[in-house]
Amino acid sequence: MLENVHVVIVGCGRVGSTLALELTASGHTVAVIDRKTEAFKRLGENFSGLTIAGIGFDRDVLQEAGIEKAQAVAAVTNGDNSNILIARVAREKFGIEKVVARIYDPKRAEIYERLGVATVATVKWTSERILRRILPDVSSIEWTDPSSNVVLIEREFPNNLVGKKVIEIELTSARVSAIRRLGTAVIPDEKTIVQQGDVGYFTVEINSVNKLDNLLKQGA
């Protein structure tokens, strides 16, 4: 079961507000930062999280948002430069491992993926997919076959599997179909080794999803 975490969200537009509401509804604590106080109206009167009007890459503002106790940061403002700067401050100054930045320019997004910053494209990514990047234990299904027996799921490889061969992680009822590594998708073979930050796409029988999740958590 996923433990409650503290998440700092910078940007209270459509994606940021939806993300904040979904996180608080799941019992997590959230601090939302936006330059404009009127943006917080998207959250509604019953929002239980913290709202802070300010610049998202300002250290004092981030500290007020509780970044020092945060497990994840989502930079989802409407500007690439701001989101990149927020992501770098979160990772480099505060040591936050789970950082997602929304990047409009696909070329820049690829560069930052290679530097270890998870990026999301505005059109292709929803709040649900952002949730999966900052909270990998969130259940997700990318595709289901017509019989609903086989699904494609996205899972980030935990640190305890780094250095192991991909074939050691597979089950009779689950296969690694592809790996996203440094912003590029690759098809694994019998020699492929799991690297830090790899994300796997598993084809698995629906009744074996929990078994696969347990295998990943235990380290194969």
Protein backbone atom coordinates (compact mmCIF):
# COMPACT_ATOMS: atom_id res chain seq x y z
CA MET A 1 0.00 0.00 0.00
CA LEU A 2 1.29 3.45 -0.92
CA GLU A 3 2.29 5.57 2.07
CA ASN A 4 1.12 9.16 2.28
CA VAL A 5 3.63 11.65 0.91
CA HIS A 6 4.04 15.41 0.67
CA VAL A 7 4.05 16.87 -2.85
CA VAL A 8 4.86 20.41 -3.95
CA ILE A 9 3.07 21.51 -7.13
CA VAL A 10 4.15 24.66 -8.93
CA GLY A 11 1.46 25.96 -11.27
CA CYS A 12 -2.26 25.92 -10.53
CA GLY A 13 -3.64 25.65 -14.05
CA ARG A 14 -5.81 22.80 -15.29
CA VAL A 15 -3.17 20.10 -14.82
CA GLY A 16 -1.77 21.43 -11.56
CA SER A 17 -5.15 21.88 -9.90
CA THR A 18 -6.37 18.45 -11.02
CA LEU A 19 -3.19 16.87 -9.72
CA ALA A 20 -3.53 18.65 -6.37
CA LEU A 21 -7.14 17.57 -5.92
CA GLU A 22 -6.39 13.95 -6.84
CA LEU A 23 -3.49 13.81 -4.41
CA THR A 24 -5.42 15.28 -1.48
CA ALA A 25 -8.36 12.98 -2.23
CA SER A 26 -5.93 10.06 -1.87
CA GLY A 27 -4.79 11.29 1.55
CA HIS A 28 -1.50 12.92 0.55
CA THR A 29 -0.48 16.41 1.68
CA VAL A 30 -0.03 19.03 -1.02
CA ALA A 31 1.33 22.57 -1.31
CA VAL A 32 0.44 24.50 -4.47
CA ILE A 33 2.46 27.51 -5.64
CA ASP A 34 1.30 30.00 -8.26
CA ARG A 35 2.12 33.61 -9.04
CA LYS A 36 -1.55 34.55 -9.26
CA THR A 37 -3.80 34.12 -6.23
CA GLU A 38 -6.89 33.88 -8.45
CA ALA A 39 -5.50 30.64 -9.88
CA PHE A 40 -6.29 28.91 -6.59
CA LYS A 41 -10.02 29.26 -7.32
CA ARG A 42 -9.60 26.13 -9.45
CA LEU A 43 -9.05 24.17 -6.25
CA GLY A 44 -12.43 25.02 -4.75
CA GLU A 45 -13.32 26.18 -1.26
CA ASN A 46 -12.83 22.78 0.35
CA PHE A 47 -9.23 22.23 -0.75
CA SER A 48 -7.32 20.89 2.25
CA GLY A 49 -3.82 21.63 1.00
CA LEU A 50 -1.60 24.69 1.32
CA THR A 51 -1.67 27.48 -1.27
CA ILE A 52 1.19 29.96 -1.66
CA ALA A 53 1.32 32.96 -3.98
CA GLY A 54 4.87 33.40 -5.21
CA ILE A 55 7.57 32.47 -7.69
CA GLY A 56 8.02 28.73 -7.90
CA PHE A 57 11.81 28.66 -8.13
CA ASP A 58 12.32 31.03 -5.18
CA ARG A 59 13.95 29.07 -2.35
CA ASP A 60 12.02 30.86 0.40
CA VAL A 61 8.72 30.12 -1.36
CA LEU A 62 9.67 26.47 -1.83
CA GLN A 63 10.66 26.18 1.81
CA GLU A 64 7.34 27.71 2.84
CA ALA A 65 5.69 25.00 0.74
CA GLY A 66 7.53 22.36 2.75
CA ILE A 67 9.90 21.19 0.04
CA GLU A 68 12.39 20.01 2.66
CA LYS A 69 9.94 17.30 3.72
CA ALA A 70 8.55 16.65 0.22
CA GLN A 71 8.93 13.34 -1.57
CA ALA A 72 8.01 14.78 -4.99
CA VAL A 73 7.76 18.03 -6.95
CA ALA A 74 5.68 18.73 -10.07
CA ALA A 75 6.56 21.82 -12.12
CA VAL A 76 3.52 22.41 -14.32
CA THR A 77 3.46 26.15 -15.04
CA ASN A 78 2.87 27.42 -18.58
CA GLY A 79 6.55 28.21 -19.18
CA ASP A 80 9.34 25.80 -20.12
CA ASN A 81 12.10 27.93 -18.60
CA SER A 82 10.31 28.22 -15.26
CA ASN A 83 9.56 24.51 -15.12
CA ILE A 84 13.14 23.56 -15.95
CA LEU A 85 14.50 25.94 -13.32
CA ILE A 86 12.06 24.67 -10.69
CA ALA A 87 13.01 21.07 -11.48
CA ARG A 88 16.72 21.80 -11.21
CA VAL A 89 16.35 23.67 -7.91
CA ALA A 90 14.25 20.82 -6.49
CA ARG A 91 16.77 18.17 -7.51
CA GLU A 92 20.07 19.98 -7.07
CA LYS A 93 19.39 22.20 -4.06
CA PHE A 94 16.88 20.16 -2.10
CA GLY A 95 17.73 16.62 -3.24
CA ILE A 96 14.22 15.67 -4.37
CA GLU A 97 14.38 12.47 -6.43
CA LYS A 98 10.86 12.47 -7.86
CA VAL A 99 10.66 15.60 -10.00
CA VAL A 100 8.42 16.06 -13.03
CA ALA A 101 8.56 19.08 -15.34
CA ARG A 102 6.03 19.94 -18.03
CA ILE A 103 7.94 20.94 -21.15
CA TYR A 104 6.25 22.26 -24.29
CA ASP A 105 9.29 21.95 -26.58
CA PRO A 106 9.89 18.23 -27.35
CA LYS A 107 13.57 18.79 -28.18
CA ARG A 108 14.23 20.39 -24.82
CA ALA A 109 12.20 17.68 -23.11
CA GLU A 110 14.48 15.00 -24.55
CA ILE A 111 17.57 16.83 -23.30
CA TYR A 112 16.25 17.05 -19.75
CA GLU A 113 15.10 13.43 -19.76
CA ARG A 114 18.71 12.53 -20.46
CA LEU A 115 19.75 14.64 -17.47
CA GLY A 116 17.39 12.68 -15.25
CA VAL A 117 14.46 15.12 -15.08
CA ALA A 118 11.18 13.42 -15.97
CA THR A 119 9.33 15.60 -18.48
CA VAL A 120 5.73 15.59 -19.62
CA ALA A 121 4.30 16.92 -22.87
CA THR A 122 1.17 19.03 -22.49
CA VAL A 123 -0.92 17.19 -25.06
CA LYS A 124 0.21 13.63 -24.43
CA TRP A 125 0.29 13.64 -20.65
CA THR A 126 -2.60 13.84 -18.25
CA SER A 127 -2.60 14.38 -14.51
CA GLU A 128 -2.88 10.60 -14.10
CA ARG A 129 0.37 10.02 -15.96
CA ILE A 130 2.12 12.70 -13.94
CA LEU A 131 0.92 10.94 -10.80
CA ARG A 132 2.55 7.75 -12.01
CA ARG A 133 5.88 9.51 -12.46
CA ILE A 134 5.96 11.00 -8.97
CA LEU A 135 4.13 8.13 -7.23
CA PRO A 136 5.18 4.97 -9.11
CA ASP A 137 3.03 2.70 -6.92
CA VAL A 138 -0.12 4.26 -8.40
CA SER A 139 -1.92 1.57 -10.37
CA SER A 140 -1.82 2.13 -14.13
CA ILE A 141 -2.88 0.34 -17.29
CA GLU A 142 -1.66 1.64 -20.66
CA TRP A 143 -3.55 -0.81 -22.87
CA THR A 144 -5.95 -3.75 -22.55
CA ASP A 145 -6.59 -6.41 -25.19
CA PRO A 146 -10.22 -6.96 -26.35
CA SER A 147 -10.61 -10.00 -24.11
CA SER A 148 -9.39 -8.00 -21.08
CA ASN A 149 -6.98 -10.81 -20.26
CA VAL A 150 -3.70 -9.12 -21.17
CA VAL A 151 -2.66 -5.56 -20.28
CA LEU A 152 0.32 -3.29 -20.89
CA ILE A 153 1.47 -1.47 -17.76
CA GLU A 154 4.18 1.07 -17.03
CA ARG A 155 6.42 0.55 -14.01
CA GLU A 156 9.62 2.27 -12.89
CA PHE A 157 12.36 -0.18 -11.97
CA PRO A 158 13.28 0.27 -8.28
CA ASN A 159 16.89 0.89 -7.27
CA ASN A 160 17.32 -2.64 -5.94
CA LEU A 161 16.95 -4.01 -9.48
CA VAL A 162 19.63 -1.79 -11.03
CA GLY A 163 22.39 -3.99 -12.46
CA LYS A 164 20.18 -7.04 -12.96
CA LYS A 165 19.30 -8.53 -16.32
CA VAL A 166 15.80 -7.79 -17.54
CA ILE A 167 15.11 -11.50 -18.10
CA GLU A 168 15.62 -12.12 -14.37
CA ILE A 169 12.63 -9.90 -13.63
CA GLU A 170 10.18 -11.52 -16.03
CA LEU A 171 7.47 -14.00 -15.04
CA THR A 172 5.81 -16.79 -17.01
CA SER A 173 2.79 -14.48 -17.31
CA ALA A 174 4.70 -11.18 -17.71
CA ARG A 175 7.23 -9.86 -20.22
CA VAL A 176 9.18 -6.59 -20.51
CA SER A 177 8.09 -5.31 -23.93
CA ALA A 178 10.13 -2.09 -23.88
CA ILE A 179 12.23 0.15 -21.65
CA ARG A 180 12.31 3.93 -21.62
CA ARG A 181 15.87 5.00 -20.88
CA LEU A 182 17.06 8.63 -20.85
CA GLY A 183 14.10 9.72 -22.94
CA THR A 184 14.46 6.97 -25.56
CA ALA A 185 12.54 3.70 -25.87
CA VAL A 186 14.50 0.49 -26.44
CA ILE A 187 13.50 -3.13 -26.96
CA PRO A 188 15.35 -5.28 -24.41
CA ASP A 189 17.11 -8.56 -25.24
CA GLU A 190 18.60 -11.30 -23.08
CA LYS A 191 21.68 -9.15 -22.37
CA THR A 192 19.88 -5.94 -21.38
CA ILE A 193 20.79 -4.69 -17.89
CA VAL A 194 18.49 -2.47 -15.82
CA GLN A 195 19.96 1.00 -15.33
CA GLN A 196 19.15 3.79 -12.88
CA GLY A 197 15.95 5.60 -13.89
CA ASP A 198 14.73 2.96 -16.36
CA VAL A 199 10.98 2.67 -16.85
CA GLY A 200 9.61 -0.66 -18.06
CA TYR A 201 6.55 -1.44 -20.14
CA PHE A 202 5.29 -4.87 -19.12
CA THR A 203 2.87 -7.07 -21.04
CA VAL A 204 1.17 -9.11 -18.35
CA GLU A 205 -1.90 -11.23 -17.73
CA ILE A 206 -4.41 -9.18 -15.75
CA ASN A 207 -4.47 -11.63 -12.84
CA SER A 208 -0.68 -11.43 -12.51
CA VAL A 209 -0.32 -7.65 -12.13
CA ASN A 210 -0.13 -7.80 -8.33
CA LYS A 211 2.38 -10.65 -8.55
CA LEU A 212 4.57 -8.54 -10.84
CA ASP A 213 4.33 -5.53 -8.52
CA ASN A 214 5.40 -7.68 -5.58
CA LEU A 215 8.30 -9.06 -7.61
CA LEU A 216 9.50 -5.54 -8.42
CA LYS A 217 9.27 -4.45 -4.79
CA GLN A 218 11.16 -7.51 -3.54
CA GLY A 219 13.96 -7.09 -6.06
CA ALA A 220 13.29 -10.19 -8.17
